[in-house]
Amino acid sequence: MYKKLNSSWQTFLSEELEKDYFLNLMQAVDEEYQNHTCFPPKDLIFSAFNHCDLNEVKVVIIGQDPYHGEGEANGLSFSVNDGVKIPPSLRNIYRELTDDLGAIFMPTSGNLEAWAKQGVLLLNATLSVRKDSPNSHKHLAWSRFTDAVIEKLASEKQQLVFLLWGSFAQKKGNKIDRNQHLVLESGHPSPMSANQGKWFGNKHFSQTNIYLASKGVQPIDWL
């Protein structure tokens, strides 16, 4: 699986990819896919990296684990395949995006590959899941790997934007140097959190673009 990882990430993460825990993780994931129906498809597990070259990374959005329904997950956090009904959390993301940017936006797809190709790393903490069983791969060592990715990005890159939505993402990103990067936090876009007033109005999309532009970096076309 990881042998097909984008070459820029292969080099950046070379030490991590050779550690015993990671090799054991790959074996455990392979066994899960052999014995159970798991998502995303095995060849899409590392799509977050393969659609977003290391040298292009501008923004990191941290999710929890992939969608667990048939045909939904495509390896990018909050993203689903074309033709899949847009999930509630992503509908709320789109609604905030529309309000924030003052745009008329009527999305027909929940596929966020266009964001990834502009430098948005859509990284789930856990990169695989059993069908119809959320957090079922939480016991695997995925979080150790994704923690290492976040730590290495935060320490070796400059002026990234980290979007931490919900307490889980905020805990995962609590070691990021706020003097080196822009870190924006809010409630999660899930209906429960959003309906409690913790999501809407955070204006993370416009704040991200203002920050990027101030650093001479091309802003993200979110629409």
N, C-alpha and C. Protein backbone atom coordinates (compact mmCIF):
# COMPACT_ATOMS: atom_id res chain seq x y z
N MET A 1 0.83 -1.21 0.00
CA MET A 1 0.00 0.00 0.00
C MET A 1 0.86 1.26 0.00
N TYR A 2 1.72 1.37 1.02
CA TYR A 2 2.49 2.61 1.16
C TYR A 2 3.57 2.74 0.11
N LYS A 3 3.88 1.66 -0.60
CA LYS A 3 4.88 1.73 -1.66
C LYS A 3 4.42 2.64 -2.79
N LYS A 4 3.10 2.85 -2.89
CA LYS A 4 2.54 3.70 -3.93
C LYS A 4 2.37 5.14 -3.46
N LEU A 5 2.86 5.42 -2.26
CA LEU A 5 2.76 6.77 -1.71
C LEU A 5 3.52 7.76 -2.58
N ASN A 6 2.93 8.91 -2.80
CA ASN A 6 3.55 10.01 -3.57
C ASN A 6 5.03 10.13 -3.19
N SER A 7 5.89 10.27 -4.18
CA SER A 7 7.34 10.25 -3.94
C SER A 7 7.80 11.35 -2.99
N SER A 8 7.15 12.52 -3.05
CA SER A 8 7.55 13.61 -2.15
C SER A 8 7.30 13.22 -0.69
N TRP A 9 6.19 12.52 -0.44
CA TRP A 9 5.88 12.07 0.91
C TRP A 9 6.76 10.87 1.30
N GLN A 10 7.06 10.02 0.33
CA GLN A 10 7.94 8.88 0.61
C GLN A 10 9.26 9.37 1.19
N THR A 11 9.80 10.41 0.59
CA THR A 11 11.08 10.96 1.07
C THR A 11 10.90 11.64 2.42
N PHE A 12 9.88 12.46 2.55
CA PHE A 12 9.63 13.23 3.77
C PHE A 12 9.41 12.31 4.97
N LEU A 13 8.71 11.19 4.74
CA LEU A 13 8.33 10.30 5.83
C LEU A 13 9.16 9.02 5.86
N SER A 14 10.29 9.02 5.18
CA SER A 14 11.07 7.79 5.00
C SER A 14 11.41 7.11 6.32
N GLU A 15 11.82 7.88 7.32
CA GLU A 15 12.18 7.28 8.61
C GLU A 15 10.97 6.63 9.27
N GLU A 16 9.83 7.30 9.18
CA GLU A 16 8.60 6.78 9.80
C GLU A 16 8.16 5.49 9.11
N LEU A 17 8.28 5.45 7.80
CA LEU A 17 7.81 4.30 7.03
C LEU A 17 8.66 3.05 7.25
N GLU A 18 9.83 3.23 7.85
CA GLU A 18 10.71 2.09 8.11
C GLU A 18 10.63 1.59 9.54
N LYS A 19 9.86 2.26 10.38
CA LYS A 19 9.77 1.86 11.78
C LYS A 19 8.95 0.58 11.92
N ASP A 20 9.29 -0.19 12.92
CA ASP A 20 8.61 -1.48 13.13
C ASP A 20 7.11 -1.31 13.30
N TYR A 21 6.68 -0.31 14.06
CA TYR A 21 5.25 -0.15 14.31
C TYR A 21 4.50 0.07 13.01
N PHE A 22 5.12 0.83 12.07
CA PHE A 22 4.44 1.12 10.81
C PHE A 22 4.36 -0.13 9.94
N LEU A 23 5.42 -0.90 9.89
CA LEU A 23 5.40 -2.14 9.12
C LEU A 23 4.38 -3.12 9.71
N ASN A 24 4.28 -3.16 11.03
CA ASN A 24 3.28 -3.99 11.69
C ASN A 24 1.87 -3.47 11.39
N LEU A 25 1.74 -2.16 11.35
CA LEU A 25 0.46 -1.54 11.02
C LEU A 25 0.02 -1.97 9.62
N MET A 26 0.92 -1.91 8.66
CA MET A 26 0.58 -2.29 7.29
C MET A 26 0.14 -3.75 7.22
N GLN A 27 0.79 -4.60 7.99
CA GLN A 27 0.41 -6.01 8.03
C GLN A 27 -0.98 -6.18 8.63
N ALA A 28 -1.25 -5.44 9.71
CA ALA A 28 -2.56 -5.53 10.37
C ALA A 28 -3.68 -5.01 9.46
N VAL A 29 -3.40 -3.93 8.75
CA VAL A 29 -4.40 -3.38 7.82
C VAL A 29 -4.66 -4.37 6.69
N ASP A 30 -3.60 -4.96 6.18
CA ASP A 30 -3.75 -5.95 5.10
C ASP A 30 -4.62 -7.12 5.56
N GLU A 31 -4.41 -7.57 6.78
CA GLU A 31 -5.22 -8.67 7.31
C GLU A 31 -6.68 -8.26 7.47
N GLU A 32 -6.91 -7.02 7.89
CA GLU A 32 -8.28 -6.52 8.01
C GLU A 32 -8.99 -6.54 6.66
N TYR A 33 -8.29 -6.10 5.63
CA TYR A 33 -8.89 -6.05 4.29
C TYR A 33 -9.10 -7.46 3.72
N GLN A 34 -8.29 -8.40 4.15
CA GLN A 34 -8.47 -9.78 3.69
C GLN A 34 -9.67 -10.44 4.37
N ASN A 35 -9.92 -10.09 5.62
CA ASN A 35 -10.92 -10.80 6.42
C ASN A 35 -12.24 -10.06 6.58
N HIS A 36 -12.25 -8.79 6.20
CA HIS A 36 -13.46 -7.98 6.36
C HIS A 36 -13.60 -7.04 5.17
N THR A 37 -14.81 -6.53 4.98
CA THR A 37 -15.00 -5.46 4.00
C THR A 37 -14.61 -4.16 4.68
N CYS A 38 -13.64 -3.47 4.10
CA CYS A 38 -13.11 -2.25 4.70
C CYS A 38 -13.09 -1.12 3.67
N PHE A 39 -13.08 0.08 4.17
CA PHE A 39 -13.05 1.27 3.31
C PHE A 39 -11.97 2.23 3.78
N PRO A 40 -11.47 3.09 2.90
CA PRO A 40 -11.72 3.13 1.47
C PRO A 40 -11.09 1.91 0.80
N PRO A 41 -11.28 1.73 -0.51
CA PRO A 41 -10.55 0.66 -1.18
C PRO A 41 -9.07 0.77 -0.87
N LYS A 42 -8.41 -0.36 -0.80
CA LYS A 42 -7.02 -0.39 -0.34
C LYS A 42 -6.12 0.57 -1.12
N ASP A 43 -6.37 0.70 -2.42
CA ASP A 43 -5.50 1.56 -3.22
C ASP A 43 -5.77 3.05 -3.01
N LEU A 44 -6.79 3.37 -2.19
CA LEU A 44 -7.11 4.78 -1.90
C LEU A 44 -6.77 5.18 -0.46
N ILE A 45 -6.19 4.26 0.31
CA ILE A 45 -5.92 4.55 1.71
C ILE A 45 -5.06 5.80 1.88
N PHE A 46 -4.08 5.98 1.01
CA PHE A 46 -3.16 7.11 1.13
C PHE A 46 -3.50 8.24 0.14
N SER A 47 -4.78 8.32 -0.25
CA SER A 47 -5.17 9.35 -1.23
C SER A 47 -4.95 10.77 -0.74
N ALA A 48 -5.07 10.99 0.56
CA ALA A 48 -4.85 12.35 1.08
C ALA A 48 -3.47 12.86 0.69
N PHE A 49 -2.49 11.97 0.70
CA PHE A 49 -1.12 12.33 0.33
C PHE A 49 -0.94 12.35 -1.18
N ASN A 50 -1.54 11.40 -1.85
CA ASN A 50 -1.31 11.27 -3.29
C ASN A 50 -1.99 12.35 -4.11
N HIS A 51 -3.02 12.97 -3.55
CA HIS A 51 -3.67 14.09 -4.24
C HIS A 51 -3.10 15.44 -3.84
N CYS A 52 -2.22 15.45 -2.85
CA CYS A 52 -1.70 16.71 -2.32
C CYS A 52 -0.19 16.57 -2.14
N ASP A 53 0.55 17.02 -3.13
CA ASP A 53 2.00 16.92 -3.07
C ASP A 53 2.55 17.66 -1.86
N LEU A 54 3.54 17.09 -1.23
CA LEU A 54 4.14 17.70 -0.04
C LEU A 54 4.54 19.16 -0.28
N ASN A 55 5.12 19.41 -1.42
CA ASN A 55 5.63 20.75 -1.72
C ASN A 55 4.53 21.77 -1.96
N GLU A 56 3.29 21.30 -2.09
CA GLU A 56 2.16 22.19 -2.34
C GLU A 56 1.29 22.40 -1.11
N VAL A 57 1.60 21.72 0.00
CA VAL A 57 0.72 21.78 1.18
C VAL A 57 0.64 23.21 1.72
N LYS A 58 -0.59 23.68 1.88
CA LYS A 58 -0.85 25.00 2.46
C LYS A 58 -1.75 24.90 3.69
N VAL A 59 -2.68 23.96 3.64
CA VAL A 59 -3.73 23.84 4.65
C VAL A 59 -3.83 22.37 5.05
N VAL A 60 -4.05 22.13 6.35
CA VAL A 60 -4.27 20.77 6.85
C VAL A 60 -5.61 20.75 7.58
N ILE A 61 -6.51 19.88 7.12
CA ILE A 61 -7.81 19.68 7.77
C ILE A 61 -7.82 18.27 8.36
N ILE A 62 -8.01 18.16 9.65
CA ILE A 62 -7.92 16.88 10.34
C ILE A 62 -9.31 16.32 10.61
N GLY A 63 -9.55 15.11 10.10
CA GLY A 63 -10.78 14.39 10.39
C GLY A 63 -10.49 13.21 11.31
N GLN A 64 -11.52 12.39 11.54
CA GLN A 64 -11.36 11.29 12.50
C GLN A 64 -11.10 9.96 11.81
N ASP A 65 -12.09 9.43 11.07
CA ASP A 65 -11.85 8.22 10.29
C ASP A 65 -12.76 8.22 9.07
N PRO A 66 -12.52 7.33 8.11
CA PRO A 66 -13.28 7.38 6.86
C PRO A 66 -14.76 7.07 7.06
N TYR A 67 -15.58 7.49 6.10
CA TYR A 67 -16.97 7.08 6.07
C TYR A 67 -17.01 5.56 5.93
N HIS A 68 -17.99 4.93 6.58
CA HIS A 68 -17.99 3.47 6.66
C HIS A 68 -19.09 2.82 5.82
N GLY A 69 -19.80 3.62 5.00
CA GLY A 69 -20.83 3.05 4.15
C GLY A 69 -20.28 2.64 2.79
N GLU A 70 -20.98 1.76 2.15
CA GLU A 70 -20.57 1.23 0.85
C GLU A 70 -20.36 2.35 -0.16
N GLY A 71 -19.15 2.40 -0.75
CA GLY A 71 -18.88 3.33 -1.84
C GLY A 71 -18.70 4.78 -1.46
N GLU A 72 -18.65 5.10 -0.17
CA GLU A 72 -18.58 6.50 0.26
C GLU A 72 -17.15 7.03 0.31
N ALA A 73 -16.29 6.39 1.08
CA ALA A 73 -14.96 6.94 1.39
C ALA A 73 -14.04 6.92 0.17
N ASN A 74 -13.29 8.00 0.01
CA ASN A 74 -12.30 8.06 -1.08
C ASN A 74 -10.90 8.41 -0.58
N GLY A 75 -10.70 8.29 0.74
CA GLY A 75 -9.36 8.50 1.29
C GLY A 75 -9.06 9.92 1.72
N LEU A 76 -10.01 10.84 1.54
CA LEU A 76 -9.85 12.23 1.95
C LEU A 76 -10.83 12.53 3.08
N SER A 77 -10.40 13.21 4.13
CA SER A 77 -11.30 13.52 5.23
C SER A 77 -12.46 14.39 4.76
N PHE A 78 -13.65 14.08 5.25
CA PHE A 78 -14.90 14.79 4.96
C PHE A 78 -15.38 14.61 3.52
N SER A 79 -14.63 13.93 2.69
CA SER A 79 -14.91 13.82 1.27
C SER A 79 -15.56 12.47 0.93
N VAL A 80 -16.45 12.48 -0.05
CA VAL A 80 -17.05 11.24 -0.56
C VAL A 80 -16.89 11.18 -2.07
N ASN A 81 -17.08 10.00 -2.61
CA ASN A 81 -17.00 9.82 -4.04
C ASN A 81 -18.12 10.56 -4.76
N ASP A 82 -17.88 10.91 -6.01
CA ASP A 82 -18.92 11.48 -6.85
C ASP A 82 -20.11 10.53 -6.89
N GLY A 83 -21.31 11.11 -6.88
CA GLY A 83 -22.52 10.29 -6.96
C GLY A 83 -23.06 9.85 -5.61
N VAL A 84 -22.28 10.06 -4.55
CA VAL A 84 -22.72 9.72 -3.20
C VAL A 84 -23.44 10.93 -2.59
N LYS A 85 -24.52 10.68 -1.88
CA LYS A 85 -25.24 11.76 -1.22
C LYS A 85 -24.29 12.51 -0.27
N ILE A 86 -24.33 13.84 -0.34
CA ILE A 86 -23.43 14.64 0.49
C ILE A 86 -23.77 14.43 1.97
N PRO A 87 -22.80 13.99 2.79
CA PRO A 87 -23.06 13.72 4.21
C PRO A 87 -23.40 15.00 4.98
N PRO A 88 -24.09 14.86 6.12
CA PRO A 88 -24.51 16.02 6.90
C PRO A 88 -23.37 16.96 7.31
N SER A 89 -22.25 16.41 7.75
CA SER A 89 -21.13 17.28 8.16
C SER A 89 -20.62 18.09 6.98
N LEU A 90 -20.51 17.46 5.82
CA LEU A 90 -20.03 18.18 4.65
C LEU A 90 -21.05 19.20 4.16
N ARG A 91 -22.32 18.89 4.31
CA ARG A 91 -23.35 19.90 3.97
C ARG A 91 -23.18 21.14 4.82
N ASN A 92 -22.87 20.94 6.11
CA ASN A 92 -22.64 22.08 6.99
C ASN A 92 -21.36 22.82 6.64
N ILE A 93 -20.35 22.09 6.21
CA ILE A 93 -19.11 22.74 5.73
C ILE A 93 -19.43 23.63 4.53
N TYR A 94 -20.18 23.09 3.59
CA TYR A 94 -20.56 23.86 2.40
C TYR A 94 -21.41 25.08 2.77
N ARG A 95 -22.30 24.90 3.74
CA ARG A 95 -23.16 26.03 4.15
C ARG A 95 -22.32 27.15 4.77
N GLU A 96 -21.38 26.79 5.64
CA GLU A 96 -20.50 27.80 6.25
C GLU A 96 -19.62 28.45 5.19
N LEU A 97 -19.14 27.66 4.28
CA LEU A 97 -18.32 28.17 3.19
C LEU A 97 -19.08 29.22 2.37
N THR A 98 -20.32 28.90 2.05
CA THR A 98 -21.16 29.82 1.27
C THR A 98 -21.40 31.12 2.03
N ASP A 99 -21.76 31.00 3.31
CA ASP A 99 -22.02 32.20 4.12
C ASP A 99 -20.75 33.02 4.31
N ASP A 100 -19.65 32.33 4.57
CA ASP A 100 -18.38 32.99 4.85
C ASP A 100 -17.90 33.80 3.65
N LEU A 101 -17.98 33.21 2.48
CA LEU A 101 -17.45 33.87 1.28
C LEU A 101 -18.50 34.69 0.54
N GLY A 102 -19.72 34.71 1.07
CA GLY A 102 -20.77 35.49 0.44
C GLY A 102 -21.04 35.05 -0.99
N ALA A 103 -21.01 33.74 -1.20
CA ALA A 103 -21.10 33.19 -2.55
C ALA A 103 -22.41 32.44 -2.76
N ILE A 104 -22.77 32.29 -4.00
CA ILE A 104 -23.85 31.40 -4.37
C ILE A 104 -23.21 30.08 -4.78
N PHE A 105 -23.42 29.07 -3.99
CA PHE A 105 -22.72 27.80 -4.19
C PHE A 105 -23.72 26.67 -4.00
N MET A 106 -23.98 25.92 -5.05
CA MET A 106 -24.94 24.81 -4.99
C MET A 106 -24.22 23.53 -5.41
N PRO A 107 -23.45 22.95 -4.49
CA PRO A 107 -22.63 21.78 -4.84
C PRO A 107 -23.49 20.56 -5.18
N THR A 108 -23.05 19.82 -6.15
CA THR A 108 -23.72 18.57 -6.52
C THR A 108 -22.88 17.36 -6.15
N SER A 109 -21.66 17.60 -5.69
CA SER A 109 -20.76 16.50 -5.33
C SER A 109 -20.07 16.80 -4.01
N GLY A 110 -19.80 15.73 -3.26
CA GLY A 110 -19.04 15.86 -2.02
C GLY A 110 -17.60 15.44 -2.17
N ASN A 111 -17.13 15.37 -3.40
CA ASN A 111 -15.75 14.98 -3.66
C ASN A 111 -14.84 16.20 -3.53
N LEU A 112 -13.90 16.15 -2.60
CA LEU A 112 -13.05 17.30 -2.30
C LEU A 112 -11.65 17.19 -2.92
N GLU A 113 -11.53 16.38 -3.95
CA GLU A 113 -10.22 16.24 -4.60
C GLU A 113 -9.70 17.58 -5.11
N ALA A 114 -10.59 18.46 -5.55
CA ALA A 114 -10.16 19.76 -6.07
C ALA A 114 -9.46 20.57 -4.98
N TRP A 115 -9.90 20.45 -3.74
CA TRP A 115 -9.21 21.12 -2.62
C TRP A 115 -7.82 20.52 -2.45
N ALA A 116 -7.76 19.19 -2.44
CA ALA A 116 -6.49 18.50 -2.21
C ALA A 116 -5.45 18.90 -3.25
N LYS A 117 -5.88 19.02 -4.49
CA LYS A 117 -4.94 19.34 -5.57
C LYS A 117 -4.42 20.77 -5.48
N GLN A 118 -5.08 21.60 -4.66
CA GLN A 118 -4.61 22.97 -4.45
C GLN A 118 -3.72 23.09 -3.22
N GLY A 119 -3.51 21.99 -2.51
CA GLY A 119 -2.64 22.04 -1.34
C GLY A 119 -3.35 21.91 -0.02
N VAL A 120 -4.56 21.34 -0.02
CA VAL A 120 -5.28 21.09 1.23
C VAL A 120 -5.12 19.61 1.57
N LEU A 121 -4.38 19.33 2.63
CA LEU A 121 -4.19 17.95 3.07
C LEU A 121 -5.38 17.55 3.92
N LEU A 122 -6.21 16.68 3.39
CA LEU A 122 -7.44 16.25 4.06
C LEU A 122 -7.15 14.94 4.77
N LEU A 123 -6.64 15.07 5.99
CA LEU A 123 -6.03 13.94 6.70
C LEU A 123 -6.93 13.42 7.81
N ASN A 124 -7.35 12.18 7.68
CA ASN A 124 -8.03 11.51 8.79
C ASN A 124 -7.00 10.97 9.78
N ALA A 125 -7.37 10.93 11.05
CA ALA A 125 -6.48 10.37 12.07
C ALA A 125 -6.28 8.88 11.84
N THR A 126 -7.34 8.21 11.44
CA THR A 126 -7.31 6.79 11.10
C THR A 126 -7.67 6.66 9.63
N LEU A 127 -6.87 5.93 8.88
CA LEU A 127 -7.01 5.95 7.42
C LEU A 127 -7.82 4.79 6.86
N SER A 128 -8.39 3.96 7.72
CA SER A 128 -9.22 2.85 7.23
C SER A 128 -10.29 2.53 8.27
N VAL A 129 -11.29 1.75 7.84
CA VAL A 129 -12.40 1.42 8.73
C VAL A 129 -13.13 0.19 8.17
N ARG A 130 -13.72 -0.59 9.08
CA ARG A 130 -14.57 -1.70 8.62
C ARG A 130 -15.93 -1.16 8.18
N LYS A 131 -16.54 -1.86 7.24
CA LYS A 131 -17.86 -1.48 6.76
C LYS A 131 -18.86 -1.40 7.91
N ASP A 132 -19.62 -0.30 7.92
CA ASP A 132 -20.71 -0.10 8.88
C ASP A 132 -20.26 -0.15 10.34
N SER A 133 -18.99 0.16 10.58
CA SER A 133 -18.48 0.08 11.95
C SER A 133 -17.52 1.23 12.22
N PRO A 134 -18.05 2.41 12.54
CA PRO A 134 -17.19 3.58 12.75
C PRO A 134 -16.16 3.35 13.85
N ASN A 135 -14.97 3.88 13.64
CA ASN A 135 -13.86 3.79 14.60
C ASN A 135 -13.38 2.37 14.83
N SER A 136 -13.71 1.47 13.92
CA SER A 136 -13.35 0.07 14.13
C SER A 136 -11.86 -0.20 13.95
N HIS A 137 -11.14 0.73 13.33
CA HIS A 137 -9.68 0.56 13.22
C HIS A 137 -8.93 1.51 14.15
N LYS A 138 -9.64 2.03 15.12
CA LYS A 138 -9.01 2.93 16.08
C LYS A 138 -7.91 2.23 16.87
N HIS A 139 -8.05 0.92 17.07
CA HIS A 139 -7.07 0.16 17.86
C HIS A 139 -5.77 -0.06 17.10
N LEU A 140 -5.79 0.14 15.78
CA LEU A 140 -4.56 0.01 15.01
C LEU A 140 -3.68 1.23 15.25
N ALA A 141 -2.48 1.21 14.73
CA ALA A 141 -1.50 2.28 15.04
C ALA A 141 -1.58 3.46 14.08
N TRP A 142 -2.74 3.63 13.44
CA TRP A 142 -2.87 4.75 12.51
C TRP A 142 -2.59 6.10 13.19
N SER A 143 -3.10 6.28 14.40
CA SER A 143 -2.95 7.59 15.05
C SER A 143 -1.49 7.91 15.33
N ARG A 144 -0.71 6.91 15.63
CA ARG A 144 0.72 7.15 15.84
C ARG A 144 1.34 7.68 14.54
N PHE A 145 0.95 7.08 13.42
CA PHE A 145 1.47 7.52 12.13
C PHE A 145 1.00 8.94 11.80
N THR A 146 -0.29 9.20 11.93
CA THR A 146 -0.79 10.54 11.55
C THR A 146 -0.34 11.61 12.54
N ASP A 147 -0.14 11.25 13.80
CA ASP A 147 0.48 12.20 14.74
C ASP A 147 1.88 12.58 14.27
N ALA A 148 2.61 11.59 13.79
CA ALA A 148 3.97 11.85 13.31
C ALA A 148 3.96 12.74 12.07
N VAL A 149 2.98 12.52 11.20
CA VAL A 149 2.85 13.37 10.00
C VAL A 149 2.60 14.82 10.40
N ILE A 150 1.65 15.02 11.32
CA ILE A 150 1.31 16.37 11.75
C ILE A 150 2.50 17.03 12.44
N GLU A 151 3.16 16.29 13.31
CA GLU A 151 4.32 16.84 14.03
C GLU A 151 5.44 17.23 13.07
N LYS A 152 5.69 16.40 12.09
CA LYS A 152 6.77 16.67 11.14
C LYS A 152 6.42 17.86 10.25
N LEU A 153 5.17 17.94 9.81
CA LEU A 153 4.75 19.10 9.02
C LEU A 153 4.89 20.38 9.83
N ALA A 154 4.41 20.32 11.08
CA ALA A 154 4.41 21.50 11.92
C ALA A 154 5.82 21.97 12.26
N SER A 155 6.75 21.05 12.37
CA SER A 155 8.11 21.42 12.76
C SER A 155 8.99 21.79 11.58
N GLU A 156 8.72 21.21 10.41
CA GLU A 156 9.62 21.41 9.28
C GLU A 156 9.08 22.32 8.19
N LYS A 157 7.78 22.58 8.21
CA LYS A 157 7.20 23.51 7.24
C LYS A 157 6.92 24.84 7.94
N GLN A 158 6.68 25.86 7.15
CA GLN A 158 6.40 27.18 7.70
C GLN A 158 5.06 27.70 7.18
N GLN A 159 4.36 28.43 8.02
CA GLN A 159 3.19 29.21 7.61
C GLN A 159 2.10 28.37 6.95
N LEU A 160 1.83 27.22 7.57
CA LEU A 160 0.68 26.42 7.16
C LEU A 160 -0.55 26.87 7.93
N VAL A 161 -1.71 26.49 7.44
CA VAL A 161 -2.96 26.72 8.17
C VAL A 161 -3.49 25.36 8.61
N PHE A 162 -3.72 25.20 9.90
CA PHE A 162 -4.31 23.99 10.44
C PHE A 162 -5.74 24.29 10.88
N LEU A 163 -6.69 23.58 10.32
CA LEU A 163 -8.10 23.74 10.68
C LEU A 163 -8.50 22.58 11.58
N LEU A 164 -8.76 22.91 12.84
CA LEU A 164 -9.05 21.89 13.85
C LEU A 164 -10.51 22.01 14.26
N TRP A 165 -11.32 21.12 13.74
CA TRP A 165 -12.77 21.17 13.94
C TRP A 165 -13.20 20.10 14.92
N GLY A 166 -13.61 20.52 16.09
CA GLY A 166 -14.04 19.59 17.12
C GLY A 166 -12.91 19.22 18.07
N SER A 167 -13.28 18.70 19.24
CA SER A 167 -12.30 18.43 20.29
C SER A 167 -11.29 17.37 19.88
N PHE A 168 -11.70 16.41 19.08
CA PHE A 168 -10.77 15.37 18.66
C PHE A 168 -9.62 15.97 17.85
N ALA A 169 -9.95 16.77 16.85
CA ALA A 169 -8.91 17.39 16.01
C ALA A 169 -8.06 18.36 16.83
N GLN A 170 -8.70 19.08 17.76
CA GLN A 170 -7.97 20.05 18.56
C GLN A 170 -6.96 19.35 19.46
N LYS A 171 -7.34 18.22 20.01
CA LYS A 171 -6.39 17.45 20.83
C LYS A 171 -5.24 16.94 19.97
N LYS A 172 -5.56 16.51 18.77
CA LYS A 172 -4.53 15.96 17.88
C LYS A 172 -3.55 17.04 17.44
N GLY A 173 -4.02 18.27 17.38
CA GLY A 173 -3.16 19.36 16.94
C GLY A 173 -2.68 20.27 18.04
N ASN A 174 -2.74 19.80 19.29
CA ASN A 174 -2.45 20.71 20.41
C ASN A 174 -0.98 21.06 20.56
N LYS A 175 -0.09 20.36 19.84
CA LYS A 175 1.35 20.66 19.95
C LYS A 175 1.86 21.55 18.83
N ILE A 176 0.98 21.96 17.94
CA ILE A 176 1.40 22.79 16.81
C ILE A 176 1.81 24.17 17.31
N ASP A 177 2.93 24.67 16.85
CA ASP A 177 3.45 25.98 17.25
C ASP A 177 2.60 27.07 16.61
N ARG A 178 1.85 27.79 17.44
CA ARG A 178 0.97 28.85 16.95
C ARG A 178 1.74 30.06 16.43
N ASN A 179 3.01 30.15 16.75
CA ASN A 179 3.82 31.26 16.24
C ASN A 179 4.37 30.96 14.85
N GLN A 180 4.35 29.70 14.48
CA GLN A 180 4.91 29.27 13.21
C GLN A 180 3.82 29.04 12.15
N HIS A 181 2.60 28.79 12.63
CA HIS A 181 1.49 28.47 11.74
C HIS A 181 0.22 29.16 12.23
N LEU A 182 -0.77 29.27 11.35
CA LEU A 182 -2.10 29.73 11.75
C LEU A 182 -2.92 28.51 12.12
N VAL A 183 -3.42 28.49 13.35
CA VAL A 183 -4.25 27.39 13.82
C VAL A 183 -5.63 27.95 14.14
N LEU A 184 -6.64 27.44 13.43
CA LEU A 184 -8.02 27.89 13.62
C LEU A 184 -8.83 26.75 14.20
N GLU A 185 -9.56 27.04 15.28
CA GLU A 185 -10.35 26.02 15.96
C GLU A 185 -11.82 26.42 16.03
N SER A 186 -12.67 25.42 15.97
CA SER A 186 -14.11 25.65 16.16
C SER A 186 -14.74 24.31 16.52
N GLY A 187 -16.05 24.33 16.73
CA GLY A 187 -16.76 23.08 16.91
C GLY A 187 -16.73 22.27 15.62
N HIS A 188 -17.16 21.03 15.73
CA HIS A 188 -17.20 20.14 14.58
C HIS A 188 -18.41 20.48 13.70
N PRO A 189 -18.30 20.27 12.39
CA PRO A 189 -19.44 20.58 11.52
C PRO A 189 -20.57 19.56 11.56
N SER A 190 -20.48 18.55 12.39
CA SER A 190 -21.57 17.58 12.50
C SER A 190 -22.84 18.28 12.96
N PRO A 191 -24.01 17.76 12.60
CA PRO A 191 -25.27 18.43 12.98
C PRO A 191 -25.39 18.72 14.47
N MET A 192 -24.98 17.78 15.32
CA MET A 192 -25.12 17.99 16.76
C MET A 192 -24.33 19.22 17.21
N SER A 193 -23.08 19.32 16.80
CA SER A 193 -22.24 20.45 17.18
C SER A 193 -22.71 21.73 16.51
N ALA A 194 -23.00 21.63 15.21
CA ALA A 194 -23.39 22.83 14.47
C ALA A 194 -24.68 23.43 15.01
N ASN A 195 -25.61 22.57 15.37
CA ASN A 195 -26.90 23.05 15.87
C ASN A 195 -26.79 23.64 17.27
N GLN A 196 -25.68 23.41 17.94
CA GLN A 196 -25.43 24.01 19.26
C GLN A 196 -24.67 25.33 19.14
N GLY A 197 -24.50 25.79 17.91
CA GLY A 197 -23.85 27.08 17.70
C GLY A 197 -22.35 27.05 17.75
N LYS A 198 -21.74 25.86 17.58
CA LYS A 198 -20.29 25.74 17.71
C LYS A 198 -19.56 25.71 16.36
N TRP A 199 -20.32 25.73 15.25
CA TRP A 199 -19.69 25.62 13.94
C TRP A 199 -19.93 26.84 13.06
N PHE A 200 -21.19 27.17 12.85
CA PHE A 200 -21.51 28.24 11.90
C PHE A 200 -20.98 29.59 12.37
N GLY A 201 -20.44 30.33 11.41
CA GLY A 201 -19.90 31.64 11.70
C GLY A 201 -18.43 31.64 12.05
N ASN A 202 -17.75 30.49 11.92
CA ASN A 202 -16.32 30.48 12.28
C ASN A 202 -15.44 31.19 11.26
N LYS A 203 -15.93 31.33 10.03
CA LYS A 203 -15.23 32.07 8.96
C LYS A 203 -13.80 31.54 8.72
N HIS A 204 -13.64 30.26 8.86
CA HIS A 204 -12.31 29.68 8.67
C HIS A 204 -11.81 29.75 7.23
N PHE A 205 -12.72 29.73 6.28
CA PHE A 205 -12.30 29.71 4.88
C PHE A 205 -11.75 31.07 4.44
N SER A 206 -12.43 32.12 4.84
CA SER A 206 -11.91 33.45 4.49
C SER A 206 -10.66 33.77 5.29
N GLN A 207 -10.62 33.38 6.57
CA GLN A 207 -9.42 33.62 7.38
C GLN A 207 -8.21 32.89 6.81
N THR A 208 -8.44 31.68 6.34
CA THR A 208 -7.36 30.91 5.71
C THR A 208 -6.79 31.66 4.52
N ASN A 209 -7.67 32.13 3.66
CA ASN A 209 -7.22 32.80 2.44
C ASN A 209 -6.57 34.14 2.71
N ILE A 210 -7.06 34.86 3.71
CA ILE A 210 -6.43 36.13 4.09
C ILE A 210 -5.00 35.87 4.57
N TYR A 211 -4.84 34.83 5.38
CA TYR A 211 -3.51 34.50 5.90
C TYR A 211 -2.57 34.08 4.77
N LEU A 212 -3.04 33.20 3.90
CA LEU A 212 -2.19 32.74 2.80
C LEU A 212 -1.76 33.91 1.92
N ALA A 213 -2.71 34.77 1.59
CA ALA A 213 -2.39 35.92 0.74
C ALA A 213 -1.38 36.83 1.41
N SER A 214 -1.49 36.97 2.74
CA SER A 214 -0.56 37.85 3.47
C SER A 214 0.87 37.30 3.45
N LYS A 215 0.99 36.00 3.19
CA LYS A 215 2.31 35.36 3.13
C LYS A 215 2.78 35.20 1.69
N GLY A 216 2.03 35.78 0.76
CA GLY A 216 2.40 35.68 -0.65
C GLY A 216 2.11 34.33 -1.26
N VAL A 217 1.16 33.61 -0.67
CA VAL A 217 0.80 32.27 -1.13
C VAL A 217 -0.57 32.33 -1.80
N GLN A 218 -0.72 31.62 -2.90
CA GLN A 218 -1.99 31.60 -3.61
C GLN A 218 -3.10 31.06 -2.73
N PRO A 219 -4.18 31.82 -2.52
CA PRO A 219 -5.28 31.33 -1.70
C PRO A 219 -5.97 30.11 -2.33
N ILE A 220 -6.81 29.45 -1.55
CA ILE A 220 -7.54 28.28 -2.01
C ILE A 220 -8.83 28.71 -2.68
N ASP A 221 -9.12 28.14 -3.82
CA ASP A 221 -10.44 28.31 -4.45
C ASP A 221 -11.35 27.26 -3.86
N TRP A 222 -12.12 27.65 -2.86
CA TRP A 222 -12.95 26.70 -2.11
C TRP A 222 -14.21 26.31 -2.87
N LEU A 223 -14.60 27.10 -3.84
CA LEU A 223 -15.91 26.90 -4.49
C LEU A 223 -15.80 26.07 -5.76
